[in-house]
N, C-alpha and C. Protein backbone atom coordinates (compact mmCIF):
# COMPACT_ATOMS: atom_id res chain seq x y z
N MET A 1 0.80 -1.26 -0.07
CA MET A 1 -0.17 -0.12 0.15
C MET A 1 0.81 1.28 0.15
N ILE A 2 2.07 1.18 0.88
CA ILE A 2 2.92 2.06 1.24
C ILE A 2 3.19 2.57 -1.12
N PHE A 3 4.15 1.63 -1.24
CA PHE A 3 4.54 1.34 -2.44
C PHE A 3 3.36 2.60 -3.90
N ILE A 4 2.26 1.87 -3.32
CA ILE A 4 0.82 2.66 -4.22
C ILE A 4 0.58 3.88 -4.23
N ILE A 5 0.85 4.23 -2.60
CA ILE A 5 0.76 5.89 -2.36
C ILE A 5 1.85 6.92 -2.99
N SER A 6 3.18 6.09 -2.31
CA SER A 6 4.33 6.76 -2.97
C SER A 6 4.51 7.28 -4.46
N HIS A 7 3.80 5.85 -5.11
CA HIS A 7 3.87 5.63 -6.86
C HIS A 7 3.42 7.07 -7.21
N SER A 8 1.96 6.86 -6.62
CA SER A 8 1.03 8.22 -7.40
C SER A 8 1.43 9.27 -7.14
N LEU A 9 2.39 9.56 -5.55
CA LEU A 9 2.64 10.92 -5.24
C LEU A 9 3.88 11.57 -6.48
N TRP A 10 4.84 10.22 -6.84
CA TRP A 10 5.93 10.76 -7.49
C TRP A 10 5.14 10.73 -9.07
N ILE A 11 4.52 10.43 -9.39
CA ILE A 11 3.76 10.35 -10.80
C ILE A 11 3.00 12.17 -10.99
N LEU A 12 2.51 12.78 -9.80
CA LEU A 12 1.86 13.74 -9.52
C LEU A 12 2.71 14.93 -9.56
N HIS A 13 3.96 14.65 -9.19
CA HIS A 13 4.69 15.34 -9.23
C HIS A 13 5.92 15.53 -10.53
N ARG A 14 5.79 14.47 -11.53
CA ARG A 14 6.46 14.46 -12.54
C ARG A 14 6.30 14.98 -13.94
N LYS A 15 7.04 15.66 -14.46
CA LYS A 15 6.42 16.16 -15.91
C LYS A 15 5.75 14.93 -16.74
N GLU A 16 4.97 15.08 -17.66
CA GLU A 16 4.51 14.57 -18.21
C GLU A 16 5.51 13.29 -19.25
N ASP A 17 6.83 14.09 -19.80
CA ASP A 17 7.62 13.40 -20.62
C ASP A 17 8.60 12.83 -20.07
N ALA A 18 8.41 13.03 -18.53
CA ALA A 18 9.63 12.65 -17.93
C ALA A 18 9.37 10.84 -17.33
N LYS A 19 10.45 10.55 -17.89
CA LYS A 19 9.86 8.45 -17.50
C LYS A 19 10.91 8.44 -15.90
N GLY A 20 12.17 9.42 -15.67
CA GLY A 20 12.88 8.91 -15.14
C GLY A 20 13.65 7.30 -14.36
N THR A 21 13.21 7.24 -13.49
CA THR A 21 13.98 5.53 -13.01
C THR A 21 13.00 4.41 -13.18
N LEU A 22 12.09 4.81 -13.38
CA LEU A 22 10.94 3.72 -13.63
C LEU A 22 10.41 3.89 -15.04
N ARG A 23 11.48 4.38 -16.16
CA ARG A 23 11.65 4.16 -17.65
C ARG A 23 10.32 2.95 -18.09
N GLU A 24 11.18 1.67 -16.94
CA GLU A 24 10.81 0.62 -18.12
C GLU A 24 9.08 0.14 -17.70
N LEU A 25 8.64 0.75 -16.62
CA LEU A 25 7.24 0.17 -16.42
C LEU A 25 6.41 1.32 -17.37
N TYR A 26 6.80 2.35 -18.06
CA TYR A 26 6.54 3.29 -18.95
C TYR A 26 6.62 3.03 -20.31
N SER A 27 7.28 1.96 -20.65
CA SER A 27 7.93 1.74 -21.77
C SER A 27 6.83 1.75 -22.78
N ALA A 28 6.16 0.70 -22.38
CA ALA A 28 5.16 0.42 -23.51
C ALA A 28 3.46 1.36 -23.24
N MET A 29 3.60 2.74 -22.56
CA MET A 29 2.28 3.11 -22.24
C MET A 29 2.14 4.72 -22.50
N LYS A 30 1.22 5.40 -22.93
CA LYS A 30 1.29 6.20 -23.41
C LYS A 30 1.81 7.62 -22.02
N THR A 31 1.89 9.01 -22.86
CA THR A 31 2.55 9.74 -21.59
C THR A 31 1.34 10.49 -20.96
N ASN A 32 -0.06 10.34 -21.32
CA ASN A 32 -0.52 11.49 -20.50
C ASN A 32 -0.81 10.76 -18.97
N PHE A 33 -1.37 11.56 -18.28
CA PHE A 33 -1.63 11.19 -16.89
C PHE A 33 -2.44 10.26 -16.37
N GLY A 34 -3.57 9.69 -17.17
CA GLY A 34 -4.38 8.92 -17.31
C GLY A 34 -3.82 7.32 -17.25
N SER A 35 -2.86 7.42 -18.30
CA SER A 35 -2.07 6.38 -18.41
C SER A 35 -1.14 6.25 -17.62
N ARG A 36 -0.58 6.95 -17.04
CA ARG A 36 0.92 6.64 -16.23
C ARG A 36 0.42 5.99 -14.90
N ILE A 37 -0.94 6.47 -14.49
CA ILE A 37 -1.51 6.10 -13.35
C ILE A 37 -2.06 4.32 -13.34
N TYR A 38 -1.75 3.60 -14.44
CA TYR A 38 -2.19 2.46 -14.80
C TYR A 38 -1.87 1.76 -13.63
N ILE A 39 -0.20 1.61 -13.16
CA ILE A 39 0.01 0.52 -12.14
C ILE A 39 -0.33 0.66 -10.88
N SER A 40 -0.55 2.27 -10.83
CA SER A 40 -0.85 2.09 -9.28
C SER A 40 -2.47 2.01 -9.49
N MET A 41 -3.32 2.02 -10.35
CA MET A 41 -4.91 1.53 -10.28
C MET A 41 -4.55 -0.02 -10.28
N PHE A 42 -3.67 -0.77 -10.93
CA PHE A 42 -3.89 -2.13 -11.04
C PHE A 42 -3.68 -3.03 -9.69
N LEU A 43 -2.75 -2.26 -9.38
CA LEU A 43 -2.17 -2.73 -7.76
C LEU A 43 -3.33 -2.48 -6.79
N ALA A 44 -3.68 -1.28 -6.51
CA ALA A 44 -5.12 -0.66 -6.18
C ALA A 44 -5.95 -1.78 -6.06
N ARG A 45 -6.17 -2.00 -6.61
CA ARG A 45 -7.61 -2.73 -7.65
C ARG A 45 -7.42 -4.47 -6.94
N ARG A 46 -5.98 -4.86 -6.98
CA ARG A 46 -5.60 -6.24 -6.41
C ARG A 46 -5.49 -6.48 -5.14
N ILE A 47 -4.99 -4.83 -4.03
CA ILE A 47 -5.20 -5.08 -2.98
C ILE A 47 -6.46 -4.90 -2.35
N LEU A 48 -7.62 -3.93 -3.28
CA LEU A 48 -8.75 -3.97 -2.75
C LEU A 48 -9.46 -4.88 -2.54
N PHE A 49 -9.40 -5.87 -3.54
CA PHE A 49 -10.14 -6.96 -3.54
C PHE A 49 -9.50 -8.32 -2.52
N ILE A 50 -8.00 -8.14 -2.24
CA ILE A 50 -7.50 -9.38 -1.39
C ILE A 50 -8.01 -8.45 0.12
N VAL A 51 -8.24 -7.31 0.31
CA VAL A 51 -9.11 -7.01 1.63
C VAL A 51 -10.28 -7.30 1.73
N LEU A 52 -10.78 -7.03 0.54
CA LEU A 52 -12.37 -7.42 0.84
C LEU A 52 -12.79 -9.03 0.83
N LEU A 53 -11.87 -9.61 0.04
CA LEU A 53 -12.18 -11.42 0.70
C LEU A 53 -11.67 -11.56 1.92
N LEU A 54 -10.68 -10.73 2.28
CA LEU A 54 -10.18 -11.26 3.93
C LEU A 54 -10.89 -10.59 5.05
N SER A 55 -11.42 -9.56 4.37
CA SER A 55 -12.49 -9.01 5.95
C SER A 55 -13.58 -9.15 5.99
N ILE A 56 -14.41 -9.34 5.11
CA ILE A 56 -16.11 -9.77 5.46
C ILE A 56 -16.08 -11.00 5.48
N LYS A 57 -16.68 -11.12 6.51
CA LYS A 57 -16.60 -12.87 6.36
C LYS A 57 -18.50 -13.48 6.42
N GLY A 58 -18.19 -14.30 5.49
CA GLY A 58 -19.57 -15.35 5.48
C GLY A 58 -20.47 -13.97 4.54
N HIS A 59 -20.36 -13.43 4.40
CA HIS A 59 -21.24 -12.41 3.18
C HIS A 59 -20.86 -12.48 1.85
N VAL A 60 -21.25 -13.51 0.83
CA VAL A 60 -20.78 -13.65 0.24
C VAL A 60 -21.48 -12.61 -1.13
N ILE A 61 -22.58 -12.46 -0.89
CA ILE A 61 -23.36 -11.52 -1.93
C ILE A 61 -22.43 -10.03 -2.17
N ILE A 62 -22.69 -9.88 -0.40
CA ILE A 62 -21.94 -8.58 -0.60
C ILE A 62 -20.11 -8.29 -1.47
N LYS A 63 -20.10 -9.61 -0.71
CA LYS A 63 -18.27 -9.30 -1.58
C LYS A 63 -18.56 -9.73 -3.36
N LEU A 64 -19.50 -9.80 -3.87
CA LEU A 64 -19.51 -10.03 -5.13
C LEU A 64 -20.00 -8.80 -5.52
N VAL A 65 -20.88 -8.26 -5.04
CA VAL A 65 -21.58 -6.73 -5.41
C VAL A 65 -20.34 -5.94 -5.67
N LEU A 66 -19.64 -5.72 -4.64
CA LEU A 66 -18.48 -4.71 -4.43
C LEU A 66 -17.39 -5.16 -5.32
N MET A 67 -16.87 -6.52 -5.34
CA MET A 67 -16.27 -6.58 -6.39
C MET A 67 -16.59 -6.28 -8.06
N VAL A 68 -17.96 -6.74 -8.58
CA VAL A 68 -18.67 -6.19 -9.79
C VAL A 68 -17.87 -4.61 -9.75
N VAL A 69 -18.42 -3.64 -8.61
CA VAL A 69 -18.18 -2.60 -8.76
C VAL A 69 -16.93 -1.77 -8.76
N ILE A 70 -15.85 -2.62 -8.17
CA ILE A 70 -14.66 -2.52 -8.21
C ILE A 70 -14.35 -2.69 -9.86
N GLN A 71 -14.31 -3.94 -9.93
CA GLN A 71 -14.33 -4.01 -11.50
C GLN A 71 -14.56 -3.38 -12.73
N SER A 72 -15.86 -3.26 -12.61
CA SER A 72 -16.43 -1.94 -13.12
C SER A 72 -16.23 -0.22 -13.36
N ILE A 73 -15.43 0.05 -12.33
CA ILE A 73 -14.68 1.03 -12.68
C ILE A 73 -13.53 0.88 -13.17
N TYR A 74 -13.08 -0.20 -12.53
CA TYR A 74 -11.47 -0.46 -13.50
C TYR A 74 -11.90 -0.83 -14.98
N TYR A 75 -13.19 -1.08 -15.41
CA TYR A 75 -13.04 -1.20 -17.05
C TYR A 75 -13.57 0.20 -17.73
N ILE A 76 -13.95 1.15 -17.20
CA ILE A 76 -14.27 1.96 -17.35
C ILE A 76 -13.01 3.17 -17.15
N TYR A 77 -11.96 2.91 -16.31
CA TYR A 77 -10.96 3.69 -16.31
C TYR A 77 -10.15 3.12 -17.68
N LEU A 78 -10.16 1.45 -18.01
CA LEU A 78 -9.36 1.12 -19.06
C LEU A 78 -9.95 1.23 -20.57
N VAL A 79 -11.17 1.51 -20.55
CA VAL A 79 -11.97 1.95 -21.76
C VAL A 79 -11.90 3.49 -21.74
N ARG A 80 -11.58 4.49 -21.26
CA ARG A 80 -11.47 5.77 -20.93
C ARG A 80 -10.10 6.39 -21.26
N PHE A 81 -9.14 5.71 -20.53
CA PHE A 81 -7.69 6.40 -20.98
C PHE A 81 -6.74 5.08 -21.95
N ARG A 82 -7.58 3.89 -22.22
CA ARG A 82 -6.24 3.17 -23.02
C ARG A 82 -5.02 3.08 -22.80
N PRO A 83 -4.18 3.16 -21.75
CA PRO A 83 -3.28 2.83 -21.25
C PRO A 83 -1.52 2.71 -21.81
N PHE A 84 -2.08 1.87 -23.05
CA PHE A 84 -1.06 1.27 -23.51
C PHE A 84 -1.01 1.80 -25.04
N ASP A 85 0.14 1.91 -25.38
CA ASP A 85 0.70 2.41 -26.80
C ASP A 85 -0.11 1.50 -28.17
N ASP A 86 0.28 0.40 -27.87
CA ASP A 86 -0.50 -0.67 -28.38
C ASP A 86 -1.81 -1.13 -28.16
N ILE A 87 -2.60 -0.88 -29.47
CA ILE A 87 -4.09 -1.02 -29.48
C ILE A 87 -4.57 -2.63 -29.11
N LYS A 88 -3.10 -3.58 -29.33
CA LYS A 88 -3.53 -4.89 -29.32
C LYS A 88 -3.25 -5.17 -27.63
N ALA A 89 -2.37 -4.31 -27.22
CA ALA A 89 -2.17 -4.40 -25.66
C ALA A 89 -3.63 -3.79 -24.74
N ASN A 90 -4.10 -3.07 -25.45
CA ASN A 90 -5.41 -2.55 -24.58
C ASN A 90 -6.51 -3.87 -24.61
N ILE A 91 -6.53 -4.16 -25.88
CA ILE A 91 -7.17 -5.07 -26.06
C ILE A 91 -7.33 -6.19 -24.91
N ILE A 92 -6.21 -6.59 -25.47
CA ILE A 92 -5.46 -8.07 -24.18
C ILE A 92 -5.36 -7.93 -23.02
N GLU A 93 -5.81 -6.54 -22.45
CA GLU A 93 -5.60 -6.57 -21.23
C GLU A 93 -7.04 -6.26 -20.65
N ILE A 94 -8.06 -5.71 -21.66
CA ILE A 94 -9.26 -5.95 -21.29
C ILE A 94 -9.88 -7.10 -21.15
N ILE A 95 -9.62 -8.37 -22.25
CA ILE A 95 -9.85 -9.82 -22.10
C ILE A 95 -9.27 -10.51 -20.88
N ASN A 96 -8.10 -10.08 -20.54
CA ASN A 96 -7.64 -10.59 -19.52
C ASN A 96 -8.38 -10.02 -18.19
N GLU A 97 -8.45 -8.90 -18.24
CA GLU A 97 -9.21 -8.97 -16.63
C GLU A 97 -10.54 -9.37 -16.55
N THR A 98 -11.42 -9.16 -18.06
CA THR A 98 -12.86 -9.82 -17.93
C THR A 98 -12.54 -11.41 -17.40
N SER A 99 -11.59 -12.27 -17.95
CA SER A 99 -11.40 -13.79 -17.10
C SER A 99 -11.03 -13.62 -15.67
N PHE A 100 -10.03 -12.66 -15.65
CA PHE A 100 -9.35 -12.74 -14.04
C PHE A 100 -10.96 -12.37 -12.83
N CYS A 101 -12.06 -11.41 -13.31
CA CYS A 101 -12.89 -11.12 -12.78
C CYS A 101 -13.95 -12.48 -13.08
N TYR A 102 -14.00 -13.15 -13.93
CA TYR A 102 -15.27 -13.85 -13.91
C TYR A 102 -14.54 -14.97 -12.74
N PHE A 103 -13.45 -15.50 -13.00
CA PHE A 103 -12.52 -16.83 -12.15
C PHE A 103 -12.77 -15.89 -11.04
N LEU A 104 -12.39 -15.04 -10.50
CA LEU A 104 -12.57 -14.44 -8.96
C LEU A 104 -13.85 -14.57 -8.83
N LEU A 105 -15.11 -13.84 -9.18
CA LEU A 105 -16.42 -14.20 -9.17
C LEU A 105 -17.14 -15.64 -8.98
N TRP A 106 -16.68 -16.66 -9.75
CA TRP A 106 -16.74 -18.34 -10.16
C TRP A 106 -16.15 -18.44 -9.13
N LEU A 107 -15.36 -18.79 -8.45
CA LEU A 107 -14.70 -19.31 -7.26
C LEU A 107 -14.67 -18.88 -6.14
N LEU A 108 -15.06 -17.44 -5.85
CA LEU A 108 -15.90 -17.08 -4.31
C LEU A 108 -17.41 -17.80 -4.43
N HIS A 109 -17.70 -17.78 -5.39
CA HIS A 109 -19.23 -17.97 -5.33
C HIS A 109 -19.54 -19.84 -4.85
N TYR A 110 -18.90 -20.83 -5.73
CA TYR A 110 -18.50 -22.11 -5.44
C TYR A 110 -17.48 -22.52 -4.34
N ASN A 111 -16.64 -21.92 -4.16
CA ASN A 111 -15.81 -21.98 -3.16
C ASN A 111 -16.82 -21.48 -1.23
N SER A 112 -17.66 -20.67 -1.55
CA SER A 112 -18.11 -20.51 -0.38
C SER A 112 -19.44 -21.14 -0.19
N LYS A 113 -19.90 -21.67 -1.41
CA LYS A 113 -20.96 -22.84 -1.30
C LYS A 113 -20.63 -24.68 -0.84
N ASN A 114 -19.25 -24.80 -1.03
CA ASN A 114 -19.04 -25.87 -0.82
C ASN A 114 -19.40 -26.51 -1.83
N VAL A 115 -19.96 -26.61 -3.78
CA VAL A 115 -20.44 -27.06 -4.52
C VAL A 115 -19.66 -27.26 -5.37
N TRP A 116 -18.27 -27.27 -5.57
CA TRP A 116 -17.33 -27.58 -7.05
C TRP A 116 -17.81 -28.99 -7.30
N SER A 117 -17.80 -29.07 -8.58
CA SER A 117 -17.68 -30.56 -9.02
C SER A 117 -16.94 -30.69 -10.17
N GLU A 118 -16.96 -31.56 -11.07
CA GLU A 118 -16.56 -31.98 -12.39
C GLU A 118 -16.84 -30.84 -13.34
N THR A 119 -18.02 -30.89 -13.42
CA THR A 119 -18.58 -29.70 -14.51
C THR A 119 -17.70 -28.21 -13.89
N THR A 120 -18.10 -28.15 -13.21
CA THR A 120 -17.37 -26.40 -12.38
C THR A 120 -16.09 -26.53 -13.17
N SER A 121 -15.22 -27.71 -12.73
CA SER A 121 -13.56 -27.85 -13.06
C SER A 121 -14.13 -27.68 -15.06
N SER A 122 -14.58 -28.08 -15.56
CA SER A 122 -14.73 -28.54 -17.12
C SER A 122 -14.71 -26.78 -17.77
N ILE A 123 -15.76 -26.31 -17.04
CA ILE A 123 -16.40 -24.76 -17.47
C ILE A 123 -14.68 -23.98 -17.01
N MET A 124 -14.19 -23.77 -15.98
CA MET A 124 -13.10 -22.84 -15.63
C MET A 124 -11.98 -23.44 -16.72
N PHE A 125 -11.69 -24.53 -17.07
CA PHE A 125 -10.97 -24.87 -18.03
C PHE A 125 -11.11 -24.33 -19.00
N ALA A 126 -12.29 -24.44 -19.47
CA ALA A 126 -12.98 -23.77 -21.05
C ALA A 126 -12.98 -22.27 -20.67
N VAL A 127 -12.98 -21.50 -19.39
CA VAL A 127 -12.78 -20.30 -19.83
C VAL A 127 -10.88 -19.97 -19.94
N ILE A 128 -10.53 -20.86 -19.37
CA ILE A 128 -9.06 -20.51 -19.74
C ILE A 128 -8.46 -20.46 -20.90
N LEU A 129 -8.72 -21.58 -21.33
CA LEU A 129 -8.49 -21.96 -22.56
C LEU A 129 -9.16 -20.96 -23.88
N THR A 130 -10.36 -20.36 -23.60
CA THR A 130 -10.86 -19.34 -24.28
C THR A 130 -10.54 -18.04 -24.46
N ASN A 131 -10.01 -17.40 -23.37
CA ASN A 131 -9.15 -16.44 -22.95
C ASN A 131 -7.74 -16.30 -23.50
N SER A 132 -7.00 -17.39 -23.42
CA SER A 132 -5.83 -17.46 -24.39
C SER A 132 -6.17 -17.76 -25.70
N LEU A 133 -6.96 -18.10 -26.34
CA LEU A 133 -7.40 -18.22 -27.73
C LEU A 133 -7.76 -17.05 -27.94
N MET A 134 -8.60 -16.38 -27.11
CA MET A 134 -8.69 -14.65 -27.74
C MET A 134 -7.64 -13.94 -27.86
N ALA A 135 -6.62 -13.97 -26.49
CA ALA A 135 -5.36 -13.27 -26.39
C ALA A 135 -4.81 -13.65 -27.98
N LEU A 136 -4.37 -14.82 -28.17
CA LEU A 136 -3.74 -15.13 -29.28
C LEU A 136 -4.26 -14.60 -30.58
N ALA A 137 -5.72 -15.13 -30.79
CA ALA A 137 -6.21 -14.06 -32.28
C ALA A 137 -5.62 -12.66 -32.12
N VAL A 138 -6.01 -12.14 -30.98
CA VAL A 138 -5.79 -10.50 -31.02
C VAL A 138 -4.23 -10.37 -31.67
N ILE A 139 -3.60 -11.15 -31.14
CA ILE A 139 -1.75 -11.02 -31.41
C ILE A 139 -1.78 -11.14 -32.81
N LEU A 140 -2.33 -12.24 -33.16
CA LEU A 140 -2.08 -12.65 -34.85
C LEU A 140 -2.65 -11.90 -35.36
N GLY A 141 -4.20 -11.18 -35.02
CA GLY A 141 -4.45 -10.53 -36.06
C GLY A 141 -3.93 -9.30 -36.19
N LYS A 142 -4.61 -8.41 -37.98
CA LYS A 142 -3.66 -7.34 -38.10
C LYS A 142 -3.79 -6.42 -37.45
N SER A 143 -2.98 -4.99 -37.48
CA SER A 143 -2.80 -4.11 -36.91
C SER A 143 -3.87 -2.74 -37.73
């Protein structure tokens, strides 16, 4: 959490064109402020998910709703700022985040109700395979 706060403050005090010592973190990103806060947004969202999962005991519906709200805000951010220079990277990021959200919600629901089955495992495998194939299609597609 300290990294996220200090990284965000560092971004606020930097010039738009200066990337300084964290050059590799920004090498494939646009130089506007919205794109530069991508790493902070990504880490903050993941930390919020962990805190949410560990702090609210036994209230699965509340967890699911809060996770959907957080993920929706993140999707809006991704669509609004499109942080990467390459359009394919932006599309792949949205595909991967959709799969991540699906996995997280699916696992939370089925693990909370303790009803995991072979069918559930097959569906999870199909989603992983579909995510990989979609990302591969975007990578191999025309730019």
